[in-house]
Structure formats: structure tokens, C-alpha cells
PDB file of N, CA and C in Angstrom:
ATOM      1  N   MET A   1      34.075 -22.009   3.310  1.00  0.00           N
ATOM      2  CA  MET A   1      33.559 -20.997   2.722  1.00  0.00           C
ATOM      3  C   MET A   1      31.964 -21.314   4.037  1.00  0.00           C
ATOM      4  N   LYS A   2      31.709 -20.184   4.369  1.00  0.00           N
ATOM      5  CA  LYS A   2      30.521 -19.790   5.608  1.00  0.00           C
ATOM      6  C   LYS A   2      30.185 -19.218   4.666  1.00  0.00           C
ATOM      7  N   LYS A   3      28.506 -19.689   4.541  1.00  0.00           N
ATOM      8  CA  LYS A   3      27.080 -19.049   4.178  1.00  0.00           C
ATOM      9  C   LYS A   3      27.102 -18.197   4.601  1.00  0.00           C
ATOM     10  N   LYS A   4      26.772 -16.979   4.310  1.00  0.00           N
ATOM     11  CA  LYS A   4      26.105 -15.878   4.401  1.00  0.00           C
ATOM     12  C   LYS A   4      24.556 -16.112   5.180  1.00  0.00           C
ATOM     13  N   ALA A   5      24.054 -15.353   6.384  1.00  0.00           N
ATOM     14  CA  ALA A   5      22.488 -15.419   7.297  1.00  0.00           C
ATOM     15  C   ALA A   5      21.880 -14.748   6.520  1.00  0.00           C
ATOM     16  N   SER A   6      20.610 -15.290   6.143  1.00  0.00           N
ATOM     17  CA  SER A   6      19.853 -14.235   6.071  1.00  0.00           C
ATOM     18  C   SER A   6      18.981 -14.009   7.033  1.00  0.00           C
ATOM     19  N   SER A   7      18.266 -12.467   6.939  1.00  0.00           N
ATOM     20  CA  SER A   7      17.621 -11.814   7.890  1.00  0.00           C
ATOM     21  C   SER A   7      15.554 -12.186   7.479  1.00  0.00           C
ATOM     22  N   ILE A   8      15.736 -12.705   8.552  1.00  0.00           N
ATOM     23  CA  ILE A   8      13.446 -13.007   8.780  1.00  0.00           C
ATOM     24  C   ILE A   8      13.451 -12.357   7.791  1.00  0.00           C
ATOM     25  N   GLY A   9      12.649 -10.953   7.493  1.00  0.00           N
ATOM     26  CA  GLY A   9      12.844 -10.284   6.548  1.00  0.00           C
ATOM     27  C   GLY A   9      12.652 -11.145   5.296  1.00  0.00           C
ATOM     28  N   SER A  10      13.697 -10.939   4.826  1.00  0.00           N
ATOM     29  CA  SER A  10      14.679 -11.233   3.669  1.00  0.00           C
ATOM     30  C   SER A  10      13.315 -12.909   3.732  1.00  0.00           C
ATOM     31  N   VAL A  11      13.556 -13.469   3.942  1.00  0.00           N
ATOM     32  CA  VAL A  11      13.974 -15.131   3.847  1.00  0.00           C
ATOM     33  C   VAL A  11      12.149 -14.832   3.009  1.00  0.00           C
ATOM     34  N   LEU A  12      11.479 -14.380   4.096  1.00  0.00           N
ATOM     35  CA  LEU A  12       9.875 -13.833   4.092  1.00  0.00           C
ATOM     36  C   LEU A  12       9.348 -13.442   3.383  1.00  0.00           C
ATOM     37  N   GLN A  13      10.008 -11.968   2.840  1.00  0.00           N
ATOM     38  CA  GLN A  13       9.830 -12.181   0.484  1.00  0.00           C
ATOM     39  C   GLN A  13      10.203 -12.795   0.263  1.00  0.00           C
ATOM     40  N   ASN A  14      10.854 -13.789   0.184  1.00  0.00           N
ATOM     41  CA  ASN A  14      11.900 -14.862  -0.802  1.00  0.00           C
ATOM     42  C   ASN A  14      10.106 -15.459  -1.429  1.00  0.00           C
ATOM     43  N   ILE A  15       9.935 -16.225  -0.490  1.00  0.00           N
ATOM     44  CA  ILE A  15       8.648 -16.997  -0.248  1.00  0.00           C
ATOM     45  C   ILE A  15       7.577 -16.749  -0.374  1.00  0.00           C
ATOM     46  N   LEU A  16       7.107 -15.235  -0.374  1.00  0.00           N
ATOM     47  CA  LEU A  16       6.393 -14.124  -0.432  1.00  0.00           C
ATOM     48  C   LEU A  16       5.952 -14.461  -2.404  1.00  0.00           C
ATOM     49  N   LYS A  17       7.117 -13.872  -2.122  1.00  0.00           N
ATOM     50  CA  LYS A  17       7.277 -13.657  -4.446  1.00  0.00           C
ATOM     51  C   LYS A  17       7.398 -15.226  -5.053  1.00  0.00           C
ATOM     52  N   GLN A  18       8.290 -15.611  -4.059  1.00  0.00           N
ATOM     53  CA  GLN A  18       7.913 -17.244  -4.764  1.00  0.00           C
ATOM     54  C   GLN A  18       7.066 -18.537  -4.936  1.00  0.00           C
ATOM     55  N   TYR A  19       5.580 -17.553  -4.037  1.00  0.00           N
ATOM     56  CA  TYR A  19       4.017 -18.126  -4.145  1.00  0.00           C
ATOM     57  C   TYR A  19       3.331 -17.214  -4.540  1.00  0.00           C
ATOM     58  N   GLU A  20       4.184 -16.167  -5.155  1.00  0.00           N
ATOM     59  CA  GLU A  20       3.050 -15.538  -6.068  1.00  0.00           C
ATOM     60  C   GLU A  20       1.935 -15.036  -4.520  1.00  0.00           C
ATOM     61  N   LEU A  21       1.859 -14.359  -3.323  1.00  0.00           N
ATOM     62  CA  LEU A  21       1.743 -14.072  -2.080  1.00  0.00           C
ATOM     63  C   LEU A  21       1.851 -12.107  -1.941  1.00  0.00           C
ATOM     64  N   GLU A  22       2.913 -11.622  -3.472  1.00  0.00           N
ATOM     65  CA  GLU A  22       3.676 -10.461  -2.546  1.00  0.00           C
ATOM     66  C   GLU A  22       2.659  -9.771  -2.561  1.00  0.00           C
ATOM     67  N   GLN A  23       1.274  -9.615  -3.629  1.00  0.00           N
ATOM     68  CA  GLN A  23       1.219  -8.905  -3.906  1.00  0.00           C
ATOM     69  C   GLN A  23      -0.654  -8.979  -3.052  1.00  0.00           C
ATOM     70  N   LYS A  24      -0.675 -10.101  -2.711  1.00  0.00           N
ATOM     71  CA  LYS A  24      -1.391 -10.258  -1.309  1.00  0.00           C
ATOM     72  C   LYS A  24      -1.674  -9.834   0.219  1.00  0.00           C
ATOM     73  N   TYR A  25      -0.237 -10.185   0.258  1.00  0.00           N
ATOM     74  CA  TYR A  25       0.738  -9.618   1.424  1.00  0.00           C
ATOM     75  C   TYR A  25      -0.111  -8.127   1.243  1.00  0.00           C
ATOM     76  N   ASN A  26       1.026  -7.698   0.413  1.00  0.00           N
ATOM     77  CA  ASN A  26       1.014  -5.944   0.309  1.00  0.00           C
ATOM     78  C   ASN A  26      -0.203  -5.239   0.799  1.00  0.00           C
ATOM     79  N   THR A  27      -1.381  -6.223  -0.106  1.00  0.00           N
ATOM     80  CA  THR A  27      -2.801  -5.498  -0.292  1.00  0.00           C
ATOM     81  C   THR A  27      -3.365  -5.342   1.547  1.00  0.00           C
ATOM     82  N   ASN A  28      -3.095  -7.244   2.389  1.00  0.00           N
ATOM     83  CA  ASN A  28      -4.494  -6.688   3.191  1.00  0.00           C
ATOM     84  C   ASN A  28      -3.426  -6.393   4.143  1.00  0.00           C
ATOM     85  N   TYR A  29      -1.688  -5.919   3.963  1.00  0.00           N
ATOM     86  CA  TYR A  29      -1.294  -5.129   4.960  1.00  0.00           C
ATOM     87  C   TYR A  29      -1.657  -3.402   4.772  1.00  0.00           C
ATOM     88  N   ILE A  30      -1.539  -3.301   4.417  1.00  0.00           N
ATOM     89  CA  ILE A  30      -2.104  -1.891   3.573  1.00  0.00           C
ATOM     90  C   ILE A  30      -3.232  -1.429   4.027  1.00  0.00           C
ATOM     91  N   ILE A  31      -4.597  -2.539   3.682  1.00  0.00           N
ATOM     92  CA  ILE A  31      -6.221  -1.989   4.271  1.00  0.00           C
ATOM     93  C   ILE A  31      -5.592  -2.469   6.047  1.00  0.00           C
ATOM     94  N   GLN A  32      -4.786  -3.334   6.466  1.00  0.00           N
ATOM     95  CA  GLN A  32      -4.971  -3.616   8.216  1.00  0.00           C
ATOM     96  C   GLN A  32      -4.420  -2.644   8.774  1.00  0.00           C
ATOM     97  N   PHE A  33      -3.491  -1.489   8.119  1.00  0.00           N
ATOM     98  CA  PHE A  33      -2.992  -0.544   8.445  1.00  0.00           C
ATOM     99  C   PHE A  33      -3.165   0.893   7.814  1.00  0.00           C
ATOM    100  N   TRP A  34      -3.727   0.430   7.381  1.00  0.00           N
ATOM    101  CA  TRP A  34      -4.788   2.570   6.902  1.00  0.00           C
ATOM    102  C   TRP A  34      -4.350   3.601   7.309  1.00  0.00           C
ATOM    103  N   GLN A  35      -5.415   3.248   8.905  1.00  0.00           N
ATOM    104  CA  GLN A  35      -5.560   4.092   9.920  1.00  0.00           C
ATOM    105  C   GLN A  35      -4.086   4.764  10.521  1.00  0.00           C
ATOM    106  N   GLU A  36      -3.226   4.152  10.542  1.00  0.00           N
ATOM    107  CA  GLU A  36      -2.071   4.749  10.297  1.00  0.00           C
ATOM    108  C   GLU A  36      -0.819   4.932   9.541  1.00  0.00           C
ATOM    109  N   ILE A  37      -1.379   4.517   8.704  1.00  0.00           N
ATOM    110  CA  ILE A  37      -0.680   5.433   7.452  1.00  0.00           C
ATOM    111  C   ILE A  37      -1.157   6.971   6.608  1.00  0.00           C
ATOM    112  N   VAL A  38      -2.167   6.651   6.199  1.00  0.00           N
ATOM    113  CA  VAL A  38      -2.973   8.052   6.720  1.00  0.00           C
ATOM    114  C   VAL A  38      -3.020   9.118   6.904  1.00  0.00           C
ATOM    115  N   PRO A  39      -4.105  10.102   7.216  1.00  0.00           N
ATOM    116  CA  PRO A  39      -3.772  10.951   8.131  1.00  0.00           C
ATOM    117  C   PRO A  39      -5.838  11.086   8.056  1.00  0.00           C
ATOM    118  N   GLU A  40      -6.335  11.038   9.851  1.00  0.00           N
ATOM    119  CA  GLU A  40      -7.533  11.456  10.421  1.00  0.00           C
ATOM    120  C   GLU A  40      -8.609  11.279   8.767  1.00  0.00           C
ATOM    121  N   ASN A  41      -8.231  13.022   8.861  1.00  0.00           N
ATOM    122  CA  ASN A  41      -8.870  13.628   8.195  1.00  0.00           C
ATOM    123  C   ASN A  41      -9.272  11.967   6.135  1.00  0.00           C
ATOM    124  N   ILE A  42      -8.537  11.315   5.851  1.00  0.00           N
ATOM    125  CA  ILE A  42      -8.115  10.978   4.881  1.00  0.00           C
ATOM    126  C   ILE A  42      -8.918   9.668   5.049  1.00  0.00           C
ATOM    127  N   TYR A  43      -8.581   9.013   6.041  1.00  0.00           N
ATOM    128  CA  TYR A  43      -9.090   8.056   6.811  1.00  0.00           C
ATOM    129  C   TYR A  43     -10.358   7.812   6.958  1.00  0.00           C
ATOM    130  N   LYS A  44     -11.409   8.253   7.191  1.00  0.00           N
ATOM    131  CA  LYS A  44     -12.810   9.073   7.107  1.00  0.00           C
ATOM    132  C   LYS A  44     -13.590   8.914   6.453  1.00  0.00           C
ATOM    133  N   ILE A  45     -12.457   9.017   5.267  1.00  0.00           N
ATOM    134  CA  ILE A  45     -13.277   9.731   3.864  1.00  0.00           C
ATOM    135  C   ILE A  45     -13.413   8.299   2.714  1.00  0.00           C
ATOM    136  N   CYS A  46     -12.054   7.392   3.081  1.00  0.00           N
ATOM    137  CA  CYS A  46     -11.671   6.442   2.362  1.00  0.00           C
ATOM    138  C   CYS A  46     -11.156   5.249   2.498  1.00  0.00           C
ATOM    139  N   TYR A  47     -10.919   4.212   1.461  1.00  0.00           N
ATOM    140  CA  TYR A  47     -10.534   2.825   2.300  1.00  0.00           C
ATOM    141  C   TYR A  47      -9.802   2.395   1.475  1.00  0.00           C
ATOM    142  N   PRO A  48      -8.519   1.252   1.349  1.00  0.00           N
ATOM    143  CA  PRO A  48      -8.244   0.649   0.515  1.00  0.00           C
ATOM    144  C   PRO A  48      -9.072  -0.208  -0.126  1.00  0.00           C
ATOM    145  N   VAL A  49      -8.776  -1.073  -1.027  1.00  0.00           N
ATOM    146  CA  VAL A  49      -9.331  -1.824  -1.862  1.00  0.00           C
ATOM    147  C   VAL A  49      -9.112  -3.327  -2.235  1.00  0.00           C
ATOM    148  N   GLU A  50      -7.520  -2.934  -3.309  1.00  0.00           N
ATOM    149  CA  GLU A  50      -7.232  -3.692  -4.071  1.00  0.00           C
ATOM    150  C   GLU A  50      -5.813  -2.738  -3.829  1.00  0.00           C
ATOM    151  N   ILE A  51      -4.825  -3.597  -3.995  1.00  0.00           N
ATOM    152  CA  ILE A  51      -3.803  -3.073  -5.633  1.00  0.00           C
ATOM    153  C   ILE A  51      -3.454  -4.242  -6.296  1.00  0.00           C
ATOM    154  N   ASN A  52      -3.277  -3.491  -7.539  1.00  0.00           N
ATOM    155  CA  ASN A  52      -3.072  -4.451  -8.931  1.00  0.00           C
ATOM    156  C   ASN A  52      -2.159  -4.138  -9.623  1.00  0.00           C
ATOM    157  N   GLU A  53      -1.220  -4.667  -9.639  1.00  0.00           N
ATOM    158  CA  GLU A  53       0.236  -4.376 -10.747  1.00  0.00           C
ATOM    159  C   GLU A  53       1.056  -2.668  -9.720  1.00  0.00           C
ATOM    160  N   GLY A  54       0.954  -2.819  -8.751  1.00  0.00           N
ATOM    161  CA  GLY A  54       1.062  -1.114  -8.312  1.00  0.00           C
ATOM    162  C   GLY A  54       0.026  -0.072  -8.029  1.00  0.00           C
ATOM    163  N   LYS A  55      -0.753   0.003  -9.037  1.00  0.00           N
ATOM    164  CA  LYS A  55      -1.853   0.571  -8.665  1.00  0.00           C
ATOM    165  C   LYS A  55      -3.010   0.099  -7.039  1.00  0.00           C
ATOM    166  N   LEU A  56      -3.083   1.201  -6.986  1.00  0.00           N
ATOM    167  CA  LEU A  56      -3.980   1.150  -5.311  1.00  0.00           C
ATOM    168  C   LEU A  56      -5.283   1.580  -6.084  1.00  0.00           C
ATOM    169  N   LYS A  57      -6.237   0.759  -5.493  1.00  0.00           N
ATOM    170  CA  LYS A  57      -7.595   1.206  -5.742  1.00  0.00           C
ATOM    171  C   LYS A  57      -8.845   1.973  -4.255  1.00  0.00           C
ATOM    172  N   ILE A  58      -8.878   2.778  -4.671  1.00  0.00           N
ATOM    173  CA  ILE A  58      -9.827   3.285  -2.938  1.00  0.00           C
ATOM    174  C   ILE A  58     -10.459   3.800  -3.275  1.00  0.00           C
ATOM    175  N   LYS A  59     -11.737   3.059  -2.556  1.00  0.00           N
ATOM    176  CA  LYS A  59     -12.473   3.806  -2.231  1.00  0.00           C
ATOM    177  C   LYS A  59     -13.103   5.231  -1.382  1.00  0.00           C
ATOM    178  N   VAL A  60     -13.755   5.836  -2.518  1.00  0.00           N
ATOM    179  CA  VAL A  60     -14.001   7.724  -1.630  1.00  0.00           C
ATOM    180  C   VAL A  60     -15.713   7.704  -1.826  1.00  0.00           C
ATOM    181  N   SER A  61     -15.799   8.344  -0.136  1.00  0.00           N
ATOM    182  CA  SER A  61     -16.638   8.335  -0.058  1.00  0.00           C
ATOM    183  C   SER A  61     -18.117   9.484  -0.980  1.00  0.00           C
ATOM    184  N   THR A  62     -17.136  10.312  -1.159  1.00  0.00           N
ATOM    185  CA  THR A  62     -17.961  11.613  -1.580  1.00  0.00           C
ATOM    186  C   THR A  62     -16.377  11.646  -3.193  1.00  0.00           C
ATOM    187  N   GLU A  63     -17.858  12.706  -4.056  1.00  0.00           N
ATOM    188  CA  GLU A  63     -16.989  13.216  -5.551  1.00  0.00           C
ATOM    189  C   GLU A  63     -16.029  13.879  -5.523  1.00  0.00           C
ATOM    190  N   ALA A  64     -16.302  15.164  -4.604  1.00  0.00           N
ATOM    191  CA  ALA A  64     -15.595  16.144  -4.413  1.00  0.00           C
ATOM    192  C   ALA A  64     -14.323  15.228  -3.641  1.00  0.00           C
ATOM    193  N   TRP A  65     -14.333  14.663  -2.427  1.00  0.00           N
ATOM    194  CA  TRP A  65     -13.613  13.915  -1.954  1.00  0.00           C
ATOM    195  C   TRP A  65     -12.575  13.347  -2.249  1.00  0.00           C
ATOM    196  N   GLN A  66     -12.972  12.146  -4.178  1.00  0.00           N
ATOM    197  CA  GLN A  66     -11.710  11.712  -4.702  1.00  0.00           C
ATOM    198  C   GLN A  66     -11.121  12.952  -5.905  1.00  0.00           C
ATOM    199  N   THR A  67     -11.687  14.295  -6.017  1.00  0.00           N
ATOM    200  CA  THR A  67     -11.124  14.651  -6.365  1.00  0.00           C
ATOM    201  C   THR A  67      -9.859  15.435  -6.014  1.00  0.00           C
ATOM    202  N   GLU A  68     -10.133  15.935  -4.244  1.00  0.00           N
ATOM    203  CA  GLU A  68      -9.286  15.960  -3.174  1.00  0.00           C
ATOM    204  C   GLU A  68      -8.557  14.500  -3.945  1.00  0.00           C
ATOM    205  N   ILE A  69      -8.917  13.682  -3.983  1.00  0.00           N
ATOM    206  CA  ILE A  69      -7.845  12.129  -3.292  1.00  0.00           C
ATOM    207  C   ILE A  69      -6.661  12.334  -4.927  1.00  0.00           C
ATOM    208  N   LEU A  70      -7.310  12.884  -5.554  1.00  0.00           N
ATOM    209  CA  LEU A  70      -6.513  12.675  -7.067  1.00  0.00           C
ATOM    210  C   LEU A  70      -5.488  14.156  -6.992  1.00  0.00           C
ATOM    211  N   ASN A  71      -6.068  14.802  -6.946  1.00  0.00           N
ATOM    212  CA  ASN A  71      -4.985  16.328  -6.458  1.00  0.00           C
ATOM    213  C   ASN A  71      -4.039  16.280  -5.479  1.00  0.00           C
ATOM    214  N   ASN A  72      -4.035  14.947  -4.087  1.00  0.00           N
ATOM    215  CA  ASN A  72      -2.965  14.782  -3.618  1.00  0.00           C
ATOM    216  C   ASN A  72      -1.964  12.871  -3.971  1.00  0.00           C
ATOM    217  N   LYS A  73      -2.099  12.976  -4.583  1.00  0.00           N
ATOM    218  CA  LYS A  73      -2.313  11.447  -4.773  1.00  0.00           C
ATOM    219  C   LYS A  73      -0.405  10.652  -4.746  1.00  0.00           C
ATOM    220  N   LYS A  74       0.054  12.070  -5.281  1.00  0.00           N
ATOM    221  CA  LYS A  74       1.613  11.795  -4.452  1.00  0.00           C
ATOM    222  C   LYS A  74       1.910  11.533  -3.511  1.00  0.00           C
ATOM    223  N   ALA A  75       1.666  12.831  -3.592  1.00  0.00           N
ATOM    224  CA  ALA A  75       1.562  12.511  -1.516  1.00  0.00           C
ATOM    225  C   ALA A  75       1.428  11.346  -1.118  1.00  0.00           C
ATOM    226  N   LEU A  76       0.335  10.723  -0.415  1.00  0.00           N
ATOM    227  CA  LEU A  76      -0.587   9.857  -0.634  1.00  0.00           C
ATOM    228  C   LEU A  76       0.207   8.632  -1.028  1.00  0.00           C
ATOM    229  N   ILE A  77       0.289   8.686  -2.138  1.00  0.00           N
ATOM    230  CA  ILE A  77       1.384   7.337  -2.413  1.00  0.00           C
ATOM    231  C   ILE A  77       3.021   7.015  -1.576  1.00  0.00           C
ATOM    232  N   GLN A  78       3.605   8.485  -1.608  1.00  0.00           N
ATOM    233  CA  GLN A  78       4.490   8.267  -1.001  1.00  0.00           C
ATOM    234  C   GLN A  78       4.093   7.602   0.541  1.00  0.00           C
ATOM    235  N   MET A  79       3.746   8.352   1.413  1.00  0.00           N
ATOM    236  CA  MET A  79       2.621   8.149   2.718  1.00  0.00           C
ATOM    237  C   MET A  79       2.504   6.121   3.177  1.00  0.00           C
ATOM    238  N   VAL A  80       2.113   5.955   1.398  1.00  0.00           N
ATOM    239  CA  VAL A  80       1.859   4.248   1.636  1.00  0.00           C
ATOM    240  C   VAL A  80       3.342   3.728   1.313  1.00  0.00           C
ATOM    241  N   ASN A  81       4.468   4.118   0.555  1.00  0.00           N
ATOM    242  CA  ASN A  81       5.462   3.240   0.657  1.00  0.00           C
ATOM    243  C   ASN A  81       6.205   3.690   1.183  1.00  0.00           C
ATOM    244  N   ASP A  82       6.212   5.248   2.367  1.00  0.00           N
ATOM    245  CA  ASP A  82       6.641   5.566   3.691  1.00  0.00           C
ATOM    246  C   ASP A  82       6.832   3.888   4.346  1.00  0.00           C
ATOM    247  N   LYS A  83       5.997   4.045   4.313  1.00  0.00           N
ATOM    248  CA  LYS A  83       5.187   2.975   6.211  1.00  0.00           C
ATOM    249  C   LYS A  83       5.524   1.905   5.334  1.00  0.00           C
ATOM    250  N   THR A  84       5.542   1.122   4.268  1.00  0.00           N
ATOM    251  CA  THR A  84       6.093  -0.306   4.079  1.00  0.00           C
ATOM    252  C   THR A  84       7.335  -0.303   4.361  1.00  0.00           C
ATOM    253  N   GLY A  85       7.673   0.820   3.213  1.00  0.00           N
ATOM    254  CA  GLY A  85       9.744   0.021   3.489  1.00  0.00           C
ATOM    255  C   GLY A  85       9.939  -0.385   2.304  1.00  0.00           C
ATOM    256  N   ARG A  86       8.848  -0.007   1.020  1.00  0.00           N
ATOM    257  CA  ARG A  86       9.005   0.133  -0.259  1.00  0.00           C
ATOM    258  C   ARG A  86       8.339   0.605  -1.438  1.00  0.00           C
ATOM    259  N   ASP A  87       8.648   0.551  -2.333  1.00  0.00           N
ATOM    260  CA  ASP A  87       7.699   1.139  -2.869  1.00  0.00           C
ATOM    261  C   ASP A  87       6.272  -0.197  -3.807  1.00  0.00           C
ATOM    262  N   ILE A  88       5.953  -0.112  -3.642  1.00  0.00           N
ATOM    263  CA  ILE A  88       4.455  -0.844  -3.596  1.00  0.00           C
ATOM    264  C   ILE A  88       4.075  -0.756  -4.539  1.00  0.00           C
ATOM    265  N   ILE A  89       3.446   0.703  -4.392  1.00  0.00           N
ATOM    266  CA  ILE A  89       1.831   1.876  -4.914  1.00  0.00           C
ATOM    267  C   ILE A  89       2.871   2.668  -5.871  1.00  0.00           C
ATOM    268  N   THR A  90       2.417   2.492  -7.077  1.00  0.00           N
ATOM    269  CA  THR A  90       2.830   3.776  -8.083  1.00  0.00           C
ATOM    270  C   THR A  90       2.193   4.303  -8.391  1.00  0.00           C
ATOM    271  N   ASP A  91       1.163   3.725  -8.468  1.00  0.00           N
ATOM    272  CA  ASP A  91      -0.303   5.331  -9.179  1.00  0.00           C
ATOM    273  C   ASP A  91      -2.003   4.486  -7.967  1.00  0.00           C
ATOM    274  N   ILE A  92      -3.044   5.538  -8.350  1.00  0.00           N
ATOM    275  CA  ILE A  92      -4.189   5.828  -7.347  1.00  0.00           C
ATOM    276  C   ILE A  92      -5.282   5.639  -8.405  1.00  0.00           C
ATOM    277  N   LYS A  93      -5.761   5.034  -7.762  1.00  0.00           N
ATOM    278  CA  LYS A  93      -7.467   5.033  -8.527  1.00  0.00           C
ATOM    279  C   LYS A  93      -8.153   4.778  -7.398  1.00  0.00           C
ATOM    280  N   VAL A  94      -9.279   6.401  -7.390  1.00  0.00           N
ATOM    281  CA  VAL A  94      -9.997   6.494  -6.987  1.00  0.00           C
ATOM    282  C   VAL A  94     -11.184   5.739  -7.011  1.00  0.00           C
ATOM    283  N   ILE A  95     -12.051   5.329  -7.403  1.00  0.00           N
ATOM    284  CA  ILE A  95     -13.737   4.777  -6.445  1.00  0.00           C
ATOM    285  C   ILE A  95     -14.996   5.282  -6.265  1.00  0.00           C
TER     286      ILE A  95
END
């Protein structure tokens, strides 16, 4: 019986999970591509700090922008998850 070939992406995903590197990879990916993930007006006022158990921590420049980010967090979560192709983020915390 022939063995089914795996894609490189699925092999890498399995390695990341096996060595518990997936969360670190996701955090680094989002930090690296933040400017491409979110609109320019958001990129200029905040940046991602870390992901912990699906919660994305974002450092925001002012309290007014903190409120704006929290009011639009569902859309922001969707942007991040769409860009990564996976449901990585389930919540956002602003700091």
C-alpha cells in the first residue's frame, strides 16, 4: 500500500506542535507581518507583544486608542486569523 505524501506545511506544523514551538512561531509571525495584517492607521498606533493561549496582547499608544481597539477587536481578530490561515487568536488584550 502506498504511503500518502504530506505537504511541507503540514510536516512543519507537526514539528512545531511536537516540540511545543507553535505558539512562539505564531507570535513571531504576527509581529513580523503586523504591518501587512492590519490597516495602516492601526499599525501606526499599536504593536503585538505576545500570544498566550489564544490571547493576543497589543501595546497601544494612548488610552483613546485602547478603547478603539477594544471596540473593534472582533474585526482585528478576524484580520489576524485570515492572514495566518488559522484560528490562532480568540481574544485581544490591550496594554
